[in-house]
Amino acid sequence: MSKKLQDNGLWESSRMMLPQHREAFQSVRHDKPVPTKRPTADDIGIMREAVLLPLMHTIIVRKANEMERSSEMLRALYAKVALVLAKNMKADLAKVKRHMLENGMSVCEEEKDDQMIRYRYTCREHEDRFTMTRDYLRAEIGVRIGRYADSLVTTIYGTDPRVSVLETEAKKKS
């Protein structure tokens, strides 16, 4: 670029440029580092929660409906417990969605096939994709539903669910 075109504004205005590219160009010209807006590990965890929680909620509600229609002896108990788990998951999903909205994050399903689901995300103007395999989803959903069940039992008992109520009462008396 010649000296006549440099810093006169005409050269810069004659080129079509995205705002992100203009910022990068100007920061290089002024020797400033380009700020990275890549998602942190916490952001990626939140996006993973945003994907897993709706799937878990759907599974639990479907199983609760199946249990209500079954001929099991304790079907009412199983269905009610499943609905309590679904309620807890829904509350957590609301928190995750609020956090994502406050931080300018979004996740949407892009492509689905027999082996994997591909998601597109936007996190503070950074767009990218991530993929979750169906095997990973199955395993992670099983683990997380187990955690929700453990937290529900802990809430009921107030201690480790493997400790019986009688043992807990005996410890309190002594």
C-alpha atoms as a PDB file:
ATOM      1  CA  MET A   1       0.000   0.000   0.000  1.00  0.00           C
ATOM      2  CA  SER A   2       1.384   3.399  -0.919  1.00  0.00           C
ATOM      3  CA  LYS A   3       1.922   6.255   1.515  1.00  0.00           C
ATOM      4  CA  LYS A   4      -0.913   8.237  -0.094  1.00  0.00           C
ATOM      5  CA  LEU A   5      -3.485   5.528   0.676  1.00  0.00           C
ATOM      6  CA  GLN A   6      -2.284   4.788   4.189  1.00  0.00           C
ATOM      7  CA  ASP A   7      -4.359   6.372   7.003  1.00  0.00           C
ATOM      8  CA  ASN A   8      -6.558   8.440   4.672  1.00  0.00           C
ATOM      9  CA  GLY A   9      -9.696   6.398   5.339  1.00  0.00           C
ATOM     10  CA  LEU A  10     -10.399   5.906   1.639  1.00  0.00           C
ATOM     11  CA  TRP A  11      -8.427   2.663   1.441  1.00  0.00           C
ATOM     12  CA  GLU A  12     -10.131   1.197   4.508  1.00  0.00           C
ATOM     13  CA  SER A  13     -13.629   2.204   3.375  1.00  0.00           C
ATOM     14  CA  SER A  14     -13.182   0.834  -0.150  1.00  0.00           C
ATOM     15  CA  ARG A  15     -12.847  -2.765   1.042  1.00  0.00           C
ATOM     16  CA  MET A  16     -15.695  -4.973   2.238  1.00  0.00           C
ATOM     17  CA  MET A  17     -14.773  -6.370   5.622  1.00  0.00           C
ATOM     18  CA  LEU A  18     -16.534  -8.092   8.493  1.00  0.00           C
ATOM     19  CA  PRO A  19     -16.338  -6.271  11.844  1.00  0.00           C
ATOM     20  CA  GLN A  20     -14.325  -9.117  13.381  1.00  0.00           C
ATOM     21  CA  HIS A  21     -11.790  -8.933  10.564  1.00  0.00           C
ATOM     22  CA  ARG A  22     -11.591  -5.149  10.838  1.00  0.00           C
ATOM     23  CA  GLU A  23     -10.860  -5.434  14.573  1.00  0.00           C
ATOM     24  CA  ALA A  24      -8.172  -8.021  13.884  1.00  0.00           C
ATOM     25  CA  PHE A  25      -6.672  -5.871  11.136  1.00  0.00           C
ATOM     26  CA  GLN A  26      -6.634  -2.777  13.322  1.00  0.00           C
ATOM     27  CA  SER A  27      -5.169  -4.648  16.278  1.00  0.00           C
ATOM     28  CA  VAL A  28      -2.369  -5.977  14.068  1.00  0.00           C
ATOM     29  CA  ARG A  29      -1.755  -2.452  12.810  1.00  0.00           C
ATOM     30  CA  HIS A  30      -1.608  -1.122  16.356  1.00  0.00           C
ATOM     31  CA  ASP A  31       0.292  -4.166  17.666  1.00  0.00           C
ATOM     32  CA  LYS A  32      -2.495  -5.224  20.036  1.00  0.00           C
ATOM     33  CA  PRO A  33      -3.307  -8.871  20.596  1.00  0.00           C
ATOM     34  CA  VAL A  34      -6.650 -10.031  19.229  1.00  0.00           C
ATOM     35  CA  PRO A  35      -8.947 -10.917  22.154  1.00  0.00           C
ATOM     36  CA  THR A  36     -10.015 -14.548  22.079  1.00  0.00           C
ATOM     37  CA  LYS A  37     -13.617 -15.325  22.827  1.00  0.00           C
ATOM     38  CA  ARG A  38     -13.317 -19.073  22.839  1.00  0.00           C
ATOM     39  CA  PRO A  39     -15.477 -20.934  25.355  1.00  0.00           C
ATOM     40  CA  THR A  40     -13.945 -21.925  28.665  1.00  0.00           C
ATOM     41  CA  ALA A  41     -14.187 -25.422  30.148  1.00  0.00           C
ATOM     42  CA  ASP A  42     -17.113 -24.225  32.284  1.00  0.00           C
ATOM     43  CA  ASP A  43     -18.903 -22.935  29.186  1.00  0.00           C
ATOM     44  CA  ILE A  44     -18.453 -26.272  27.447  1.00  0.00           C
ATOM     45  CA  GLY A  45     -19.787 -28.049  30.544  1.00  0.00           C
ATOM     46  CA  ILE A  46     -22.857 -25.795  30.535  1.00  0.00           C
ATOM     47  CA  MET A  47     -23.449 -26.532  26.851  1.00  0.00           C
ATOM     48  CA  ARG A  48     -23.152 -30.247  27.545  1.00  0.00           C
ATOM     49  CA  GLU A  49     -25.735 -29.872  30.334  1.00  0.00           C
ATOM     50  CA  ALA A  50     -28.015 -28.035  27.898  1.00  0.00           C
ATOM     51  CA  VAL A  51     -27.843 -31.052  25.597  1.00  0.00           C
ATOM     52  CA  LEU A  52     -28.103 -33.814  28.212  1.00  0.00           C
ATOM     53  CA  LEU A  53     -30.801 -32.446  30.542  1.00  0.00           C
ATOM     54  CA  PRO A  54     -33.643 -32.354  27.976  1.00  0.00           C
ATOM     55  CA  LEU A  55     -32.796 -35.898  26.884  1.00  0.00           C
ATOM     56  CA  MET A  56     -32.735 -37.100  30.501  1.00  0.00           C
ATOM     57  CA  HIS A  57     -36.020 -35.330  31.261  1.00  0.00           C
ATOM     58  CA  THR A  58     -37.708 -36.951  28.259  1.00  0.00           C
ATOM     59  CA  ILE A  59     -36.480 -40.410  29.266  1.00  0.00           C
ATOM     60  CA  ILE A  60     -37.649 -40.036  32.871  1.00  0.00           C
ATOM     61  CA  VAL A  61     -41.102 -38.714  31.912  1.00  0.00           C
ATOM     62  CA  ARG A  62     -41.552 -41.509  29.361  1.00  0.00           C
ATOM     63  CA  LYS A  63     -40.570 -44.138  31.945  1.00  0.00           C
ATOM     64  CA  ALA A  64     -42.939 -42.582  34.509  1.00  0.00           C
ATOM     65  CA  ASN A  65     -45.813 -42.826  32.019  1.00  0.00           C
ATOM     66  CA  GLU A  66     -44.908 -46.444  31.230  1.00  0.00           C
ATOM     67  CA  MET A  67     -44.770 -47.242  34.933  1.00  0.00           C
ATOM     68  CA  GLU A  68     -48.226 -45.736  35.552  1.00  0.00           C
ATOM     69  CA  ARG A  69     -49.673 -48.040  32.892  1.00  0.00           C
ATOM     70  CA  SER A  70     -47.813 -51.136  34.088  1.00  0.00           C
ATOM     71  CA  SER A  71     -49.078 -53.833  36.432  1.00  0.00           C
ATOM     72  CA  GLU A  72     -46.224 -53.481  38.940  1.00  0.00           C
ATOM     73  CA  MET A  73     -47.163 -53.566  42.598  1.00  0.00           C
ATOM     74  CA  LEU A  74     -45.276 -50.332  43.406  1.00  0.00           C
ATOM     75  CA  ARG A  75     -46.115 -48.533  40.154  1.00  0.00           C
ATOM     76  CA  ALA A  76     -47.508 -45.444  41.899  1.00  0.00           C
ATOM     77  CA  LEU A  77     -44.344 -45.071  43.988  1.00  0.00           C
ATOM     78  CA  TYR A  78     -42.036 -45.549  40.992  1.00  0.00           C
ATOM     79  CA  ALA A  79     -44.015 -43.099  38.872  1.00  0.00           C
ATOM     80  CA  LYS A  80     -44.057 -40.429  41.589  1.00  0.00           C
ATOM     81  CA  VAL A  81     -40.332 -40.768  42.234  1.00  0.00           C
ATOM     82  CA  ALA A  82     -39.663 -40.508  38.502  1.00  0.00           C
ATOM     83  CA  LEU A  83     -41.767 -37.353  38.306  1.00  0.00           C
ATOM     84  CA  VAL A  84     -39.841 -35.831  41.235  1.00  0.00           C
ATOM     85  CA  LEU A  85     -36.595 -36.584  39.378  1.00  0.00           C
ATOM     86  CA  ALA A  86     -38.060 -34.982  36.241  1.00  0.00           C
ATOM     87  CA  LYS A  87     -39.026 -31.900  38.253  1.00  0.00           C
ATOM     88  CA  ASN A  88     -35.466 -31.576  39.613  1.00  0.00           C
ATOM     89  CA  MET A  89     -34.049 -31.951  36.097  1.00  0.00           C
ATOM     90  CA  LYS A  90     -36.442 -29.313  34.765  1.00  0.00           C
ATOM     91  CA  ALA A  91     -35.328 -26.879  37.496  1.00  0.00           C
ATOM     92  CA  ASP A  92     -31.665 -27.498  36.635  1.00  0.00           C
ATOM     93  CA  LEU A  93     -32.428 -27.047  32.941  1.00  0.00           C
ATOM     94  CA  ALA A  94     -34.042 -23.678  33.679  1.00  0.00           C
ATOM     95  CA  LYS A  95     -30.878 -22.606  35.541  1.00  0.00           C
ATOM     96  CA  VAL A  96     -28.689 -23.745  32.642  1.00  0.00           C
ATOM     97  CA  LYS A  97     -30.823 -21.908  30.077  1.00  0.00           C
ATOM     98  CA  ARG A  98     -30.778 -18.733  32.169  1.00  0.00           C
ATOM     99  CA  HIS A  99     -26.974 -18.942  32.482  1.00  0.00           C
ATOM    100  CA  MET A 100     -26.641 -19.460  28.739  1.00  0.00           C
ATOM    101  CA  LEU A 101     -28.905 -16.525  27.976  1.00  0.00           C
ATOM    102  CA  GLU A 102     -26.999 -14.230  30.355  1.00  0.00           C
ATOM    103  CA  ASN A 103     -23.652 -15.217  28.812  1.00  0.00           C
ATOM    104  CA  GLY A 104     -24.665 -15.111  25.145  1.00  0.00           C
ATOM    105  CA  MET A 105     -24.523 -18.854  24.566  1.00  0.00           C
ATOM    106  CA  SER A 106     -26.737 -21.068  22.423  1.00  0.00           C
ATOM    107  CA  VAL A 107     -26.706 -24.709  21.321  1.00  0.00           C
ATOM    108  CA  CYS A 108     -28.768 -26.302  18.568  1.00  0.00           C
ATOM    109  CA  GLU A 109     -28.830 -29.729  16.993  1.00  0.00           C
ATOM    110  CA  GLU A 110     -27.328 -29.662  13.534  1.00  0.00           C
ATOM    111  CA  GLU A 111     -27.142 -33.233  12.297  1.00  0.00           C
ATOM    112  CA  LYS A 112     -28.180 -36.637  13.579  1.00  0.00           C
ATOM    113  CA  ASP A 113     -27.328 -40.120  12.376  1.00  0.00           C
ATOM    114  CA  ASP A 114     -27.171 -43.659  13.772  1.00  0.00           C
ATOM    115  CA  GLN A 115     -23.882 -43.183  15.602  1.00  0.00           C
ATOM    116  CA  MET A 116     -23.698 -39.537  16.657  1.00  0.00           C
ATOM    117  CA  ILE A 117     -25.423 -36.204  17.043  1.00  0.00           C
ATOM    118  CA  ARG A 118     -23.665 -33.037  15.915  1.00  0.00           C
ATOM    119  CA  TYR A 119     -24.443 -29.739  17.641  1.00  0.00           C
ATOM    120  CA  ARG A 120     -23.650 -26.173  16.623  1.00  0.00           C
ATOM    121  CA  TYR A 121     -22.964 -23.682  19.382  1.00  0.00           C
ATOM    122  CA  THR A 122     -22.426 -19.963  19.718  1.00  0.00           C
ATOM    123  CA  CYS A 123     -20.537 -18.692  22.745  1.00  0.00           C
ATOM    124  CA  ARG A 124     -19.859 -14.953  22.961  1.00  0.00           C
ATOM    125  CA  GLU A 125     -19.673 -14.538  19.170  1.00  0.00           C
ATOM    126  CA  HIS A 126     -17.547 -17.672  18.751  1.00  0.00           C
ATOM    127  CA  GLU A 127     -19.261 -20.310  16.611  1.00  0.00           C
ATOM    128  CA  ASP A 128     -18.197 -23.922  16.395  1.00  0.00           C
ATOM    129  CA  ARG A 129     -19.485 -27.491  16.475  1.00  0.00           C
ATOM    130  CA  PHE A 130     -19.180 -30.472  18.762  1.00  0.00           C
ATOM    131  CA  THR A 131     -20.246 -34.073  18.367  1.00  0.00           C
ATOM    132  CA  MET A 132     -21.626 -36.522  20.902  1.00  0.00           C
ATOM    133  CA  THR A 133     -21.769 -40.208  20.120  1.00  0.00           C
ATOM    134  CA  ARG A 134     -24.823 -42.210  21.071  1.00  0.00           C
ATOM    135  CA  ASP A 135     -22.713 -44.514  23.249  1.00  0.00           C
ATOM    136  CA  TYR A 136     -21.378 -41.534  25.203  1.00  0.00           C
ATOM    137  CA  LEU A 137     -24.895 -40.124  25.570  1.00  0.00           C
ATOM    138  CA  ARG A 138     -26.246 -43.439  26.884  1.00  0.00           C
ATOM    139  CA  ALA A 139     -23.429 -43.834  29.383  1.00  0.00           C
ATOM    140  CA  GLU A 140     -23.504 -40.224  30.579  1.00  0.00           C
ATOM    141  CA  ILE A 141     -27.291 -40.154  30.876  1.00  0.00           C
ATOM    142  CA  GLY A 142     -27.199 -43.334  32.975  1.00  0.00           C
ATOM    143  CA  VAL A 143     -24.578 -41.884  35.308  1.00  0.00           C
ATOM    144  CA  ARG A 144     -26.393 -38.572  35.674  1.00  0.00           C
ATOM    145  CA  ILE A 145     -29.785 -40.147  36.331  1.00  0.00           C
ATOM    146  CA  GLY A 146     -28.052 -42.196  39.029  1.00  0.00           C
ATOM    147  CA  ARG A 147     -26.706 -38.980  40.563  1.00  0.00           C
ATOM    148  CA  TYR A 148     -30.171 -37.439  40.575  1.00  0.00           C
ATOM    149  CA  ALA A 149     -31.564 -40.562  42.247  1.00  0.00           C
ATOM    150  CA  ASP A 150     -28.776 -40.498  44.858  1.00  0.00           C
ATOM    151  CA  SER A 151     -29.417 -36.836  45.605  1.00  0.00           C
ATOM    152  CA  LEU A 152     -33.137 -37.545  46.009  1.00  0.00           C
ATOM    153  CA  VAL A 153     -32.464 -40.407  48.428  1.00  0.00           C
ATOM    154  CA  THR A 154     -29.935 -38.287  50.321  1.00  0.00           C
ATOM    155  CA  THR A 155     -32.536 -35.537  50.577  1.00  0.00           C
ATOM    156  CA  ILE A 156     -35.049 -37.995  52.008  1.00  0.00           C
ATOM    157  CA  TYR A 157     -32.694 -39.733  54.443  1.00  0.00           C
ATOM    158  CA  GLY A 158     -30.316 -36.867  55.087  1.00  0.00           C
ATOM    159  CA  THR A 159     -27.367 -39.304  54.918  1.00  0.00           C
ATOM    160  CA  ASP A 160     -25.889 -42.004  52.762  1.00  0.00           C
ATOM    161  CA  PRO A 161     -28.765 -44.049  51.277  1.00  0.00           C
ATOM    162  CA  ARG A 162     -27.055 -47.343  52.138  1.00  0.00           C
ATOM    163  CA  VAL A 163     -27.315 -46.600  55.862  1.00  0.00           C
ATOM    164  CA  SER A 164     -30.636 -47.769  57.230  1.00  0.00           C
ATOM    165  CA  VAL A 165     -32.957 -45.492  59.158  1.00  0.00           C
ATOM    166  CA  LEU A 166     -32.574 -47.691  62.258  1.00  0.00           C
ATOM    167  CA  GLU A 167     -28.781 -47.304  62.197  1.00  0.00           C
ATOM    168  CA  THR A 168     -29.136 -43.532  61.876  1.00  0.00           C
ATOM    169  CA  GLU A 169     -31.545 -43.388  64.832  1.00  0.00           C
ATOM    170  CA  ALA A 170     -29.227 -45.578  66.943  1.00  0.00           C
ATOM    171  CA  LYS A 171     -26.305 -43.221  66.259  1.00  0.00           C
ATOM    172  CA  LYS A 172     -28.390 -40.193  67.249  1.00  0.00           C
ATOM    173  CA  LYS A 173     -29.363 -41.763  70.607  1.00  0.00           C
ATOM    174  CA  SER A 174     -25.811 -42.698  71.565  1.00  0.00           C
END
